[in-house]
N, C-alpha and C. Protein backbone atom coordinates (compact mmCIF):
# COMPACT_ATOMS: atom_id res chain seq x y z
N UNK A 1 8.78 -8.24 1.19
CA UNK A 1 8.18 -6.92 1.11
C UNK A 1 9.24 -5.88 1.48
N UNK A 2 9.31 -4.80 0.70
CA UNK A 2 10.24 -3.73 1.03
C UNK A 2 9.49 -2.41 1.14
N UNK A 3 10.07 -1.49 1.86
CA UNK A 3 9.46 -0.16 1.97
C UNK A 3 10.27 0.80 1.13
N UNK A 4 9.57 1.60 0.35
CA UNK A 4 10.23 2.58 -0.51
C UNK A 4 9.71 3.97 -0.20
N UNK A 5 10.59 4.94 -0.28
CA UNK A 5 10.21 6.33 0.00
C UNK A 5 9.44 6.91 -1.18
N UNK A 6 8.42 7.68 -0.84
CA UNK A 6 7.63 8.40 -1.84
C UNK A 6 8.13 9.84 -1.83
N UNK A 7 8.54 10.33 -2.98
CA UNK A 7 9.00 11.71 -3.09
C UNK A 7 7.99 12.49 -3.91
N UNK A 8 7.79 13.75 -3.57
CA UNK A 8 6.86 14.60 -4.31
C UNK A 8 7.63 15.63 -5.10
N UNK A 9 7.15 15.94 -6.28
CA UNK A 9 7.76 16.98 -7.11
C UNK A 9 6.69 17.58 -8.01
N UNK A 10 6.99 18.73 -8.55
CA UNK A 10 6.08 19.37 -9.49
C UNK A 10 6.58 19.11 -10.90
N UNK A 11 5.66 18.80 -11.78
CA UNK A 11 6.01 18.54 -13.17
C UNK A 11 5.40 19.62 -14.05
N UNK A 12 6.18 20.08 -15.02
CA UNK A 12 5.68 21.07 -15.97
C UNK A 12 4.74 20.39 -16.97
N UNK A 13 3.89 21.20 -17.61
CA UNK A 13 3.06 20.68 -18.68
C UNK A 13 3.95 20.17 -19.81
N UNK A 14 3.42 19.27 -20.60
CA UNK A 14 4.24 18.70 -21.67
C UNK A 14 3.38 18.21 -22.82
N UNK A 15 4.05 17.93 -23.91
CA UNK A 15 3.41 17.35 -25.09
C UNK A 15 4.01 15.96 -25.25
N UNK A 16 3.16 14.97 -25.44
CA UNK A 16 3.66 13.62 -25.66
C UNK A 16 2.97 13.01 -26.87
N UNK A 17 3.71 12.12 -27.54
CA UNK A 17 3.10 11.27 -28.57
C UNK A 17 3.09 9.87 -27.99
N UNK A 18 2.11 9.06 -28.39
CA UNK A 18 2.03 7.72 -27.82
C UNK A 18 1.36 6.73 -28.78
N UNK A 19 1.63 5.46 -28.52
CA UNK A 19 0.97 4.33 -29.17
C UNK A 19 0.72 3.28 -28.10
N UNK A 20 -0.32 2.44 -28.28
CA UNK A 20 -0.56 1.37 -27.31
C UNK A 20 0.62 0.39 -27.30
N UNK A 21 0.83 -0.27 -26.14
CA UNK A 21 1.88 -1.29 -26.06
C UNK A 21 1.50 -2.35 -25.03
N UNK A 22 2.15 -3.47 -25.16
CA UNK A 22 2.06 -4.52 -24.15
C UNK A 22 3.16 -4.26 -23.13
N UNK A 23 3.00 -4.76 -21.93
CA UNK A 23 3.97 -4.50 -20.87
C UNK A 23 5.08 -5.56 -20.87
N UNK A 24 5.74 -5.70 -22.01
CA UNK A 24 6.89 -6.58 -22.13
C UNK A 24 8.06 -5.73 -22.61
N UNK A 25 9.27 -6.12 -22.22
CA UNK A 25 10.46 -5.35 -22.61
C UNK A 25 10.55 -5.23 -24.13
N UNK A 26 10.28 -6.31 -24.83
CA UNK A 26 10.39 -6.32 -26.29
C UNK A 26 9.39 -5.36 -26.93
N UNK A 27 8.12 -5.46 -26.54
CA UNK A 27 7.11 -4.61 -27.16
C UNK A 27 7.32 -3.15 -26.79
N UNK A 28 7.67 -2.88 -25.54
CA UNK A 28 7.90 -1.49 -25.14
C UNK A 28 9.03 -0.88 -25.95
N UNK A 29 10.12 -1.63 -26.14
CA UNK A 29 11.26 -1.09 -26.89
C UNK A 29 10.93 -0.96 -28.38
N UNK A 30 10.20 -1.91 -28.95
CA UNK A 30 9.82 -1.81 -30.37
C UNK A 30 8.93 -0.60 -30.60
N UNK A 31 7.98 -0.38 -29.70
CA UNK A 31 7.07 0.77 -29.84
C UNK A 31 7.80 2.09 -29.62
N UNK A 32 8.74 2.12 -28.67
CA UNK A 32 9.52 3.34 -28.44
C UNK A 32 10.35 3.67 -29.67
N UNK A 33 10.94 2.65 -30.30
CA UNK A 33 11.71 2.85 -31.53
C UNK A 33 10.80 3.39 -32.63
N UNK A 34 9.59 2.87 -32.71
CA UNK A 34 8.62 3.36 -33.71
C UNK A 34 8.32 4.84 -33.48
N UNK A 35 8.10 5.24 -32.22
CA UNK A 35 7.83 6.65 -31.93
C UNK A 35 9.03 7.54 -32.26
N UNK A 36 10.23 7.08 -31.94
CA UNK A 36 11.42 7.87 -32.26
C UNK A 36 11.55 8.06 -33.76
N UNK A 37 11.28 6.99 -34.53
CA UNK A 37 11.33 7.07 -35.99
C UNK A 37 10.28 8.04 -36.52
N UNK A 38 9.08 7.97 -35.97
CA UNK A 38 8.01 8.89 -36.38
C UNK A 38 8.43 10.33 -36.13
N UNK A 39 8.99 10.59 -34.94
CA UNK A 39 9.43 11.94 -34.59
C UNK A 39 10.53 12.41 -35.55
N UNK A 40 11.46 11.54 -35.88
CA UNK A 40 12.54 11.90 -36.80
C UNK A 40 11.98 12.24 -38.18
N UNK A 41 11.05 11.44 -38.67
CA UNK A 41 10.47 11.65 -40.00
C UNK A 41 9.73 12.98 -40.09
N UNK A 42 8.99 13.34 -39.03
CA UNK A 42 8.21 14.59 -39.11
C UNK A 42 9.01 15.81 -38.65
N UNK A 43 10.23 15.60 -38.18
CA UNK A 43 11.07 16.71 -37.75
C UNK A 43 10.80 17.20 -36.35
N UNK A 44 10.22 16.36 -35.51
CA UNK A 44 9.94 16.73 -34.13
C UNK A 44 11.20 16.61 -33.28
N UNK A 45 11.31 17.44 -32.25
CA UNK A 45 12.41 17.36 -31.31
C UNK A 45 11.95 16.58 -30.09
N UNK A 46 12.64 15.51 -29.78
CA UNK A 46 12.31 14.67 -28.63
C UNK A 46 12.80 15.36 -27.36
N UNK A 47 11.93 15.43 -26.34
CA UNK A 47 12.24 16.19 -25.13
C UNK A 47 12.66 15.33 -23.95
N UNK A 48 12.76 14.02 -24.12
CA UNK A 48 13.14 13.16 -23.00
C UNK A 48 12.99 11.70 -23.38
N UNK A 49 13.31 10.82 -22.44
CA UNK A 49 13.23 9.38 -22.71
C UNK A 49 11.78 8.90 -22.78
N UNK A 50 11.60 7.77 -23.45
CA UNK A 50 10.28 7.13 -23.53
C UNK A 50 9.89 6.60 -22.16
N UNK A 51 8.58 6.58 -21.91
CA UNK A 51 8.04 6.03 -20.67
C UNK A 51 6.73 5.34 -20.99
N UNK A 52 6.22 4.58 -20.04
CA UNK A 52 4.98 3.84 -20.24
C UNK A 52 3.89 4.42 -19.34
N UNK A 53 2.75 4.75 -19.92
CA UNK A 53 1.59 5.14 -19.14
C UNK A 53 0.78 3.87 -18.93
N UNK A 54 0.48 3.57 -17.67
CA UNK A 54 -0.23 2.34 -17.32
C UNK A 54 -1.73 2.59 -17.38
N UNK A 55 -2.43 1.78 -18.16
CA UNK A 55 -3.85 2.00 -18.41
C UNK A 55 -4.72 0.91 -17.78
N UNK A 56 -4.33 0.35 -16.67
CA UNK A 56 -5.11 -0.68 -16.00
C UNK A 56 -5.29 -1.90 -16.88
N UNK A 57 -6.52 -2.33 -17.07
CA UNK A 57 -6.81 -3.53 -17.86
C UNK A 57 -6.46 -3.34 -19.33
N UNK A 58 -6.34 -2.09 -19.79
CA UNK A 58 -6.01 -1.81 -21.19
C UNK A 58 -4.56 -2.11 -21.52
N UNK A 59 -3.71 -2.31 -20.53
CA UNK A 59 -2.29 -2.48 -20.78
C UNK A 59 -1.57 -1.17 -20.62
N UNK A 60 -0.86 -0.74 -21.63
CA UNK A 60 -0.10 0.50 -21.51
C UNK A 60 -0.02 1.27 -22.80
N UNK A 61 0.59 2.42 -22.68
CA UNK A 61 0.90 3.26 -23.84
C UNK A 61 2.36 3.65 -23.72
N UNK A 62 3.12 3.44 -24.76
CA UNK A 62 4.48 3.93 -24.75
C UNK A 62 4.42 5.38 -25.19
N UNK A 63 5.03 6.26 -24.42
CA UNK A 63 4.95 7.70 -24.66
C UNK A 63 6.34 8.28 -24.88
N UNK A 64 6.39 9.32 -25.69
CA UNK A 64 7.64 10.02 -25.96
C UNK A 64 7.36 11.52 -25.86
N UNK A 65 8.01 12.22 -24.93
CA UNK A 65 7.79 13.67 -24.81
C UNK A 65 8.41 14.42 -25.99
N UNK A 66 7.69 15.44 -26.45
CA UNK A 66 8.15 16.27 -27.58
C UNK A 66 8.33 17.71 -27.11
N UNK A 67 9.23 18.44 -27.74
CA UNK A 67 9.45 19.86 -27.40
C UNK A 67 8.34 20.75 -27.95
N UNK A 68 7.72 20.35 -29.06
CA UNK A 68 6.69 21.18 -29.68
C UNK A 68 5.56 20.30 -30.22
N UNK A 69 4.44 20.94 -30.47
CA UNK A 69 3.26 20.24 -30.98
C UNK A 69 3.45 19.86 -32.44
N UNK A 70 3.11 18.63 -32.77
CA UNK A 70 3.06 18.16 -34.15
C UNK A 70 1.78 17.36 -34.31
N UNK A 71 0.95 17.68 -35.28
CA UNK A 71 -0.28 16.91 -35.45
C UNK A 71 0.03 15.49 -35.91
N UNK A 72 -0.71 14.55 -35.37
CA UNK A 72 -0.56 13.15 -35.78
C UNK A 72 -1.56 12.86 -36.89
N UNK A 73 -1.19 12.01 -37.79
CA UNK A 73 -2.10 11.59 -38.86
C UNK A 73 -2.66 10.23 -38.47
N UNK A 74 -3.98 10.04 -38.57
CA UNK A 74 -4.62 8.80 -38.12
C UNK A 74 -3.99 7.53 -38.70
N UNK A 75 -3.50 7.58 -39.92
CA UNK A 75 -2.95 6.37 -40.53
C UNK A 75 -1.66 5.90 -39.87
N UNK A 76 -1.00 6.74 -39.09
CA UNK A 76 0.24 6.34 -38.43
C UNK A 76 -0.01 5.56 -37.14
N UNK A 77 -1.20 5.73 -36.56
CA UNK A 77 -1.50 5.10 -35.28
C UNK A 77 -0.91 5.85 -34.09
N UNK A 78 -0.23 6.96 -34.35
CA UNK A 78 0.38 7.77 -33.29
C UNK A 78 -0.61 8.83 -32.86
N UNK A 79 -0.74 9.03 -31.55
CA UNK A 79 -1.58 10.08 -31.00
C UNK A 79 -0.67 11.11 -30.32
N UNK A 80 -1.02 12.38 -30.45
CA UNK A 80 -0.27 13.45 -29.80
C UNK A 80 -1.24 14.18 -28.88
N UNK A 81 -0.79 14.47 -27.64
CA UNK A 81 -1.66 15.17 -26.69
C UNK A 81 -0.85 16.06 -25.77
N UNK A 82 -1.54 17.06 -25.22
CA UNK A 82 -0.95 17.93 -24.21
C UNK A 82 -1.34 17.38 -22.84
N UNK A 83 -0.38 17.42 -21.92
CA UNK A 83 -0.63 16.99 -20.55
C UNK A 83 -0.37 18.16 -19.62
N UNK A 84 -1.27 18.35 -18.69
CA UNK A 84 -1.21 19.49 -17.78
C UNK A 84 -0.08 19.34 -16.76
N UNK A 85 0.39 20.48 -16.28
CA UNK A 85 1.37 20.51 -15.20
C UNK A 85 0.69 20.11 -13.90
N UNK A 86 1.48 19.70 -12.93
CA UNK A 86 0.92 19.38 -11.62
C UNK A 86 1.85 18.54 -10.78
N UNK A 87 1.47 18.31 -9.55
CA UNK A 87 2.32 17.53 -8.64
C UNK A 87 2.26 16.03 -8.97
N UNK A 88 3.37 15.37 -8.69
CA UNK A 88 3.45 13.92 -8.87
C UNK A 88 4.15 13.31 -7.67
N UNK A 89 3.85 12.06 -7.41
CA UNK A 89 4.57 11.27 -6.41
C UNK A 89 5.50 10.33 -7.18
N UNK A 90 6.75 10.21 -6.73
CA UNK A 90 7.73 9.36 -7.41
C UNK A 90 8.20 8.26 -6.45
N UNK A 91 8.26 7.06 -6.96
CA UNK A 91 8.72 5.90 -6.21
C UNK A 91 9.80 5.22 -7.04
N UNK A 92 10.98 5.05 -6.49
CA UNK A 92 12.09 4.45 -7.23
C UNK A 92 12.09 2.93 -7.12
N UNK A 93 12.72 2.28 -8.08
CA UNK A 93 12.94 0.83 -8.09
C UNK A 93 11.66 0.02 -8.11
N UNK A 94 10.71 0.42 -8.94
CA UNK A 94 9.49 -0.36 -9.14
C UNK A 94 9.69 -1.25 -10.37
N UNK A 95 8.85 -2.26 -10.51
CA UNK A 95 8.86 -3.06 -11.74
C UNK A 95 7.59 -2.76 -12.50
N UNK A 96 7.67 -2.84 -13.82
CA UNK A 96 6.52 -2.51 -14.64
C UNK A 96 5.35 -3.45 -14.37
N UNK A 97 5.63 -4.70 -14.06
CA UNK A 97 4.55 -5.66 -13.83
C UNK A 97 3.79 -5.38 -12.53
N UNK A 98 4.45 -4.80 -11.54
CA UNK A 98 3.81 -4.50 -10.26
C UNK A 98 3.39 -3.05 -10.14
N UNK A 99 3.66 -2.25 -11.15
CA UNK A 99 3.48 -0.80 -11.06
C UNK A 99 2.05 -0.39 -10.76
N UNK A 100 1.07 -1.03 -11.37
CA UNK A 100 -0.33 -0.64 -11.13
C UNK A 100 -0.70 -0.87 -9.66
N UNK A 101 -0.33 -2.04 -9.11
CA UNK A 101 -0.63 -2.34 -7.70
C UNK A 101 0.12 -1.39 -6.77
N UNK A 102 1.36 -1.08 -7.10
CA UNK A 102 2.15 -0.17 -6.27
C UNK A 102 1.52 1.23 -6.29
N UNK A 103 1.06 1.66 -7.46
CA UNK A 103 0.40 2.98 -7.56
C UNK A 103 -0.82 3.03 -6.65
N UNK A 104 -1.59 1.96 -6.61
CA UNK A 104 -2.76 1.91 -5.73
C UNK A 104 -2.34 1.95 -4.27
N UNK A 105 -1.24 1.28 -3.91
CA UNK A 105 -0.74 1.30 -2.54
C UNK A 105 -0.28 2.71 -2.15
N UNK A 106 0.36 3.42 -3.08
CA UNK A 106 0.79 4.79 -2.81
C UNK A 106 -0.42 5.67 -2.54
N UNK A 107 -1.43 5.57 -3.39
CA UNK A 107 -2.63 6.39 -3.20
C UNK A 107 -3.32 6.06 -1.88
N UNK A 108 -3.31 4.78 -1.50
CA UNK A 108 -3.88 4.38 -0.22
C UNK A 108 -3.07 4.98 0.93
N UNK A 109 -1.75 4.97 0.80
CA UNK A 109 -0.87 5.54 1.82
C UNK A 109 -1.13 7.03 2.01
N UNK A 110 -1.51 7.70 0.93
CA UNK A 110 -1.83 9.12 1.01
C UNK A 110 -3.17 9.35 1.71
N UNK A 111 -3.92 8.30 1.92
CA UNK A 111 -5.17 8.38 2.68
C UNK A 111 -6.23 9.26 2.05
N UNK A 112 -6.30 9.29 0.73
CA UNK A 112 -7.32 10.09 0.07
C UNK A 112 -6.95 11.55 -0.08
N UNK A 113 -5.82 11.96 0.51
CA UNK A 113 -5.42 13.37 0.44
C UNK A 113 -4.79 13.71 -0.90
N UNK A 114 -4.46 12.71 -1.69
CA UNK A 114 -3.80 12.97 -2.96
C UNK A 114 -4.41 12.14 -4.06
N UNK A 115 -5.69 12.25 -4.22
CA UNK A 115 -6.40 11.43 -5.20
C UNK A 115 -5.72 11.48 -6.56
N UNK A 116 -5.77 10.38 -7.24
CA UNK A 116 -5.14 10.23 -8.55
C UNK A 116 -5.70 11.25 -9.55
N UNK A 117 -4.79 11.91 -10.29
CA UNK A 117 -5.17 12.88 -11.31
C UNK A 117 -4.96 12.34 -12.71
N UNK A 118 -4.50 11.13 -12.83
CA UNK A 118 -4.22 10.57 -14.14
C UNK A 118 -3.59 9.20 -13.98
N UNK A 119 -3.16 8.65 -15.09
CA UNK A 119 -2.57 7.32 -15.08
C UNK A 119 -1.15 7.33 -14.54
N UNK A 120 -0.80 6.27 -13.84
CA UNK A 120 0.57 6.11 -13.36
C UNK A 120 1.49 5.93 -14.55
N UNK A 121 2.75 6.33 -14.39
CA UNK A 121 3.73 6.24 -15.46
C UNK A 121 4.94 5.47 -14.96
N UNK A 122 5.50 4.64 -15.84
CA UNK A 122 6.69 3.86 -15.52
C UNK A 122 7.84 4.34 -16.40
N UNK A 123 8.96 4.70 -15.77
CA UNK A 123 10.16 5.18 -16.46
C UNK A 123 11.26 4.14 -16.30
N UNK A 124 11.57 3.35 -17.34
CA UNK A 124 12.61 2.32 -17.22
C UNK A 124 13.95 2.92 -16.79
N UNK A 125 14.67 2.20 -15.94
CA UNK A 125 15.97 2.66 -15.46
C UNK A 125 16.98 2.73 -16.61
N UNK A 126 16.93 1.77 -17.49
CA UNK A 126 17.78 1.74 -18.69
C UNK A 126 16.94 1.24 -19.85
N UNK A 127 17.43 1.44 -21.04
CA UNK A 127 16.72 1.00 -22.24
C UNK A 127 16.40 -0.48 -22.14
N UNK A 128 15.13 -0.84 -22.30
CA UNK A 128 14.70 -2.22 -22.27
C UNK A 128 14.51 -2.80 -20.88
N UNK A 129 14.69 -2.00 -19.83
CA UNK A 129 14.58 -2.49 -18.47
C UNK A 129 13.13 -2.60 -18.02
N UNK A 130 12.82 -3.58 -17.19
CA UNK A 130 11.49 -3.73 -16.61
C UNK A 130 11.47 -3.18 -15.18
N UNK A 131 12.57 -2.56 -14.75
CA UNK A 131 12.68 -1.92 -13.44
C UNK A 131 12.97 -0.44 -13.65
N UNK A 132 12.36 0.40 -12.83
CA UNK A 132 12.59 1.84 -12.96
C UNK A 132 11.77 2.62 -11.96
N UNK A 133 11.47 3.86 -12.29
CA UNK A 133 10.71 4.75 -11.41
C UNK A 133 9.24 4.74 -11.78
N UNK A 134 8.41 4.80 -10.77
CA UNK A 134 6.96 4.90 -10.94
C UNK A 134 6.56 6.32 -10.56
N UNK A 135 5.84 7.01 -11.44
CA UNK A 135 5.40 8.38 -11.21
C UNK A 135 3.88 8.40 -11.25
N UNK A 136 3.27 8.99 -10.20
CA UNK A 136 1.82 9.00 -10.07
C UNK A 136 1.34 10.44 -9.94
N UNK A 137 0.57 10.93 -10.93
CA UNK A 137 0.00 12.28 -10.79
C UNK A 137 -0.95 12.32 -9.60
N UNK A 138 -0.80 13.34 -8.76
CA UNK A 138 -1.65 13.47 -7.56
C UNK A 138 -2.24 14.88 -7.52
N UNK A 139 -3.23 15.07 -6.67
CA UNK A 139 -3.86 16.38 -6.51
C UNK A 139 -2.96 17.31 -5.72
N UNK A 140 -3.25 18.60 -5.80
CA UNK A 140 -2.48 19.62 -5.11
C UNK A 140 -2.43 19.40 -3.60
N UNK A 141 -3.48 18.80 -3.03
CA UNK A 141 -3.51 18.63 -1.58
C UNK A 141 -2.81 17.36 -1.10
N UNK A 142 -2.03 16.74 -1.98
CA UNK A 142 -1.27 15.55 -1.58
C UNK A 142 -0.28 15.95 -0.50
N UNK A 143 0.00 15.04 0.36
CA UNK A 143 0.96 15.28 1.44
C UNK A 143 2.31 15.63 0.82
N UNK A 144 2.94 16.70 1.29
CA UNK A 144 4.20 17.17 0.73
C UNK A 144 5.39 16.83 1.62
N UNK A 145 5.28 15.76 2.37
CA UNK A 145 6.41 15.33 3.18
C UNK A 145 6.77 13.90 2.78
N UNK A 146 8.01 13.48 3.03
CA UNK A 146 8.41 12.14 2.64
C UNK A 146 7.52 11.09 3.31
N UNK A 147 7.08 10.13 2.54
CA UNK A 147 6.29 9.01 3.04
C UNK A 147 6.94 7.73 2.58
N UNK A 148 6.51 6.61 3.12
CA UNK A 148 7.01 5.32 2.67
C UNK A 148 5.81 4.42 2.41
N UNK A 149 5.99 3.51 1.48
CA UNK A 149 4.95 2.55 1.14
C UNK A 149 5.57 1.17 1.08
N UNK A 150 4.84 0.17 1.52
CA UNK A 150 5.33 -1.21 1.46
C UNK A 150 5.00 -1.80 0.11
N UNK A 151 6.01 -2.34 -0.57
CA UNK A 151 5.82 -2.97 -1.88
C UNK A 151 6.44 -4.34 -1.89
């Protein structure tokens, strides 16, 4: 068991496109490549690296941030949505397989003061990596001082 520091930051609102994915390096990378190709074909500007939104029992969604809104066509299987700005808790060096449990531990460590505002997100450290940063949307009243959680 290791203890990791929880850092808080504010995130701006954003536009993301996404498709469902399995939580394997191969599927995440194949789906991210598919989203990048879709963005290139429609002329969208990619605003950052792909990340995975963890959907509990549903698995995940591979997401790609976009600079501007582009409507998705149902036949592509790609969904586009706006996500609100707000505070997030960040934990470094998480693994995608443990990310859901770690997110729950972080929320427990906050003691109810930072109730979850959305799904946890996993940002791979490098392309195809199963290790990276875990980002958890939290409420405005989340503790704004460094905390640690056992993982």
